[in-house]
Protein backbone atom coordinates (compact mmCIF):
# COMPACT_ATOMS: atom_id res chain seq x y z
CA UNK A 1 82.77 -19.75 -30.24
CA UNK A 2 85.50 -19.45 -32.82
CA UNK A 3 87.69 -22.41 -33.64
CA UNK A 4 90.39 -23.00 -36.20
CA UNK A 5 91.87 -26.07 -37.82
CA UNK A 6 95.50 -26.93 -37.37
CA UNK A 7 96.45 -24.82 -40.37
CA UNK A 8 94.39 -21.81 -39.22
CA UNK A 9 91.17 -22.17 -41.24
CA UNK A 10 87.92 -21.27 -39.49
CA UNK A 11 85.98 -24.30 -38.27
CA UNK A 12 82.58 -24.49 -36.60
CA UNK A 13 81.75 -27.77 -34.81
CA UNK A 14 78.26 -29.18 -35.31
CA UNK A 15 77.41 -31.36 -32.30
CA UNK A 16 75.09 -34.38 -32.33
CA UNK A 17 72.14 -33.53 -30.08
CA UNK A 18 69.56 -36.22 -30.89
CA UNK A 19 68.72 -39.28 -32.97
CA UNK A 20 65.15 -39.83 -34.19
CA UNK A 21 64.19 -43.44 -33.33
CA UNK A 22 61.41 -43.33 -35.95
CA UNK A 23 63.94 -42.71 -38.74
CA UNK A 24 66.93 -44.68 -37.41
CA UNK A 25 67.33 -48.17 -38.88
CA UNK A 26 70.07 -49.27 -36.46
CA UNK A 27 72.60 -49.92 -39.23
CA UNK A 28 75.52 -48.85 -37.02
CA UNK A 29 77.32 -46.76 -39.63
CA UNK A 30 77.40 -43.73 -37.33
CA UNK A 31 78.73 -45.82 -34.44
CA UNK A 32 81.53 -47.20 -36.61
CA UNK A 33 82.82 -43.77 -37.65
CA UNK A 34 82.62 -42.27 -34.16
CA UNK A 35 85.65 -42.92 -32.01
CA UNK A 36 84.16 -41.12 -29.00
CA UNK A 37 81.37 -43.55 -27.88
CA UNK A 38 78.76 -40.80 -28.28
CA UNK A 39 76.10 -43.35 -29.38
CA UNK A 40 75.08 -46.88 -28.50
CA UNK A 41 72.73 -49.46 -29.98
CA UNK A 42 69.50 -50.25 -28.13
CA UNK A 43 66.52 -52.45 -28.84
CA UNK A 44 62.94 -51.25 -29.17
CA UNK A 45 60.23 -53.55 -27.82
CA UNK A 46 56.64 -53.83 -29.08
CA UNK A 47 55.59 -51.05 -26.67
CA UNK A 48 58.15 -48.67 -28.21
CA UNK A 49 60.36 -48.73 -25.11
CA UNK A 50 64.15 -48.74 -25.38
CA UNK A 51 65.76 -51.84 -23.91
CA UNK A 52 69.33 -53.04 -23.54
CA UNK A 53 70.47 -55.64 -26.02
CA UNK A 54 70.79 -58.93 -24.16
CA UNK A 55 70.87 -62.39 -25.70
CA UNK A 56 67.93 -63.42 -23.49
CA UNK A 57 65.63 -60.68 -24.81
CA UNK A 58 66.14 -61.06 -28.58
CA UNK A 59 62.55 -62.25 -29.06
CA UNK A 60 61.21 -59.05 -27.41
CA UNK A 61 63.08 -56.72 -29.77
CA UNK A 62 61.06 -55.28 -32.65
CA UNK A 63 63.97 -53.28 -34.07
CA UNK A 64 67.32 -51.78 -33.11
CA UNK A 65 68.16 -48.08 -33.06
CA UNK A 66 71.08 -45.86 -32.17
CA UNK A 67 70.61 -43.63 -29.14
CA UNK A 68 72.69 -40.96 -27.46
CA UNK A 69 75.07 -42.49 -24.93
CA UNK A 70 77.49 -39.68 -24.05
CA UNK A 71 76.58 -36.47 -25.88
CA UNK A 72 79.24 -34.55 -24.00
CA UNK A 73 81.93 -36.60 -25.73
CA UNK A 74 80.90 -35.33 -29.19
CA UNK A 75 83.54 -33.11 -30.82
CA UNK A 76 81.24 -31.90 -33.59
CA UNK A 77 83.12 -33.42 -36.52
CA UNK A 78 79.93 -34.44 -38.37
CA UNK A 79 81.24 -37.82 -39.54
CA UNK A 80 78.14 -39.56 -38.20
CA UNK A 81 75.75 -37.37 -40.19
CA UNK A 82 77.70 -37.92 -43.41
CA UNK A 83 77.28 -41.72 -43.21
CA UNK A 84 73.66 -41.82 -41.95
CA UNK A 85 71.44 -43.15 -44.76
CA UNK A 86 68.19 -41.95 -43.17
CA UNK A 87 69.04 -38.47 -41.91
CA UNK A 88 67.89 -39.43 -38.43
CA UNK A 89 70.35 -37.21 -36.56
CA UNK A 90 70.01 -33.62 -35.41
CA UNK A 91 73.13 -31.50 -34.98
CA UNK A 92 73.58 -28.03 -33.54
CA UNK A 93 76.35 -25.50 -33.02
CA UNK A 94 77.71 -24.85 -29.54
CA UNK A 95 75.68 -22.43 -27.48
């Protein structure tokens, strides 16, 4: 696919396709720069399972990580990858 910016320069979107929970530290920087709700914060319990963040389950959470919430909403701007301190995200061009 060929895209251009508003002033006619070539632009190739790079879409977020996954977030590595082993690398992610749950800092939320990517979430803050994304205005499309592509990601959400989840908890990881001692069994390594993703769980919703509820006040009642705080003692079961070992760590927090970002996960894909709505990948189809990603516009491929790459802002999330530029602010990620751990390089936990994988991006790919449109098929």
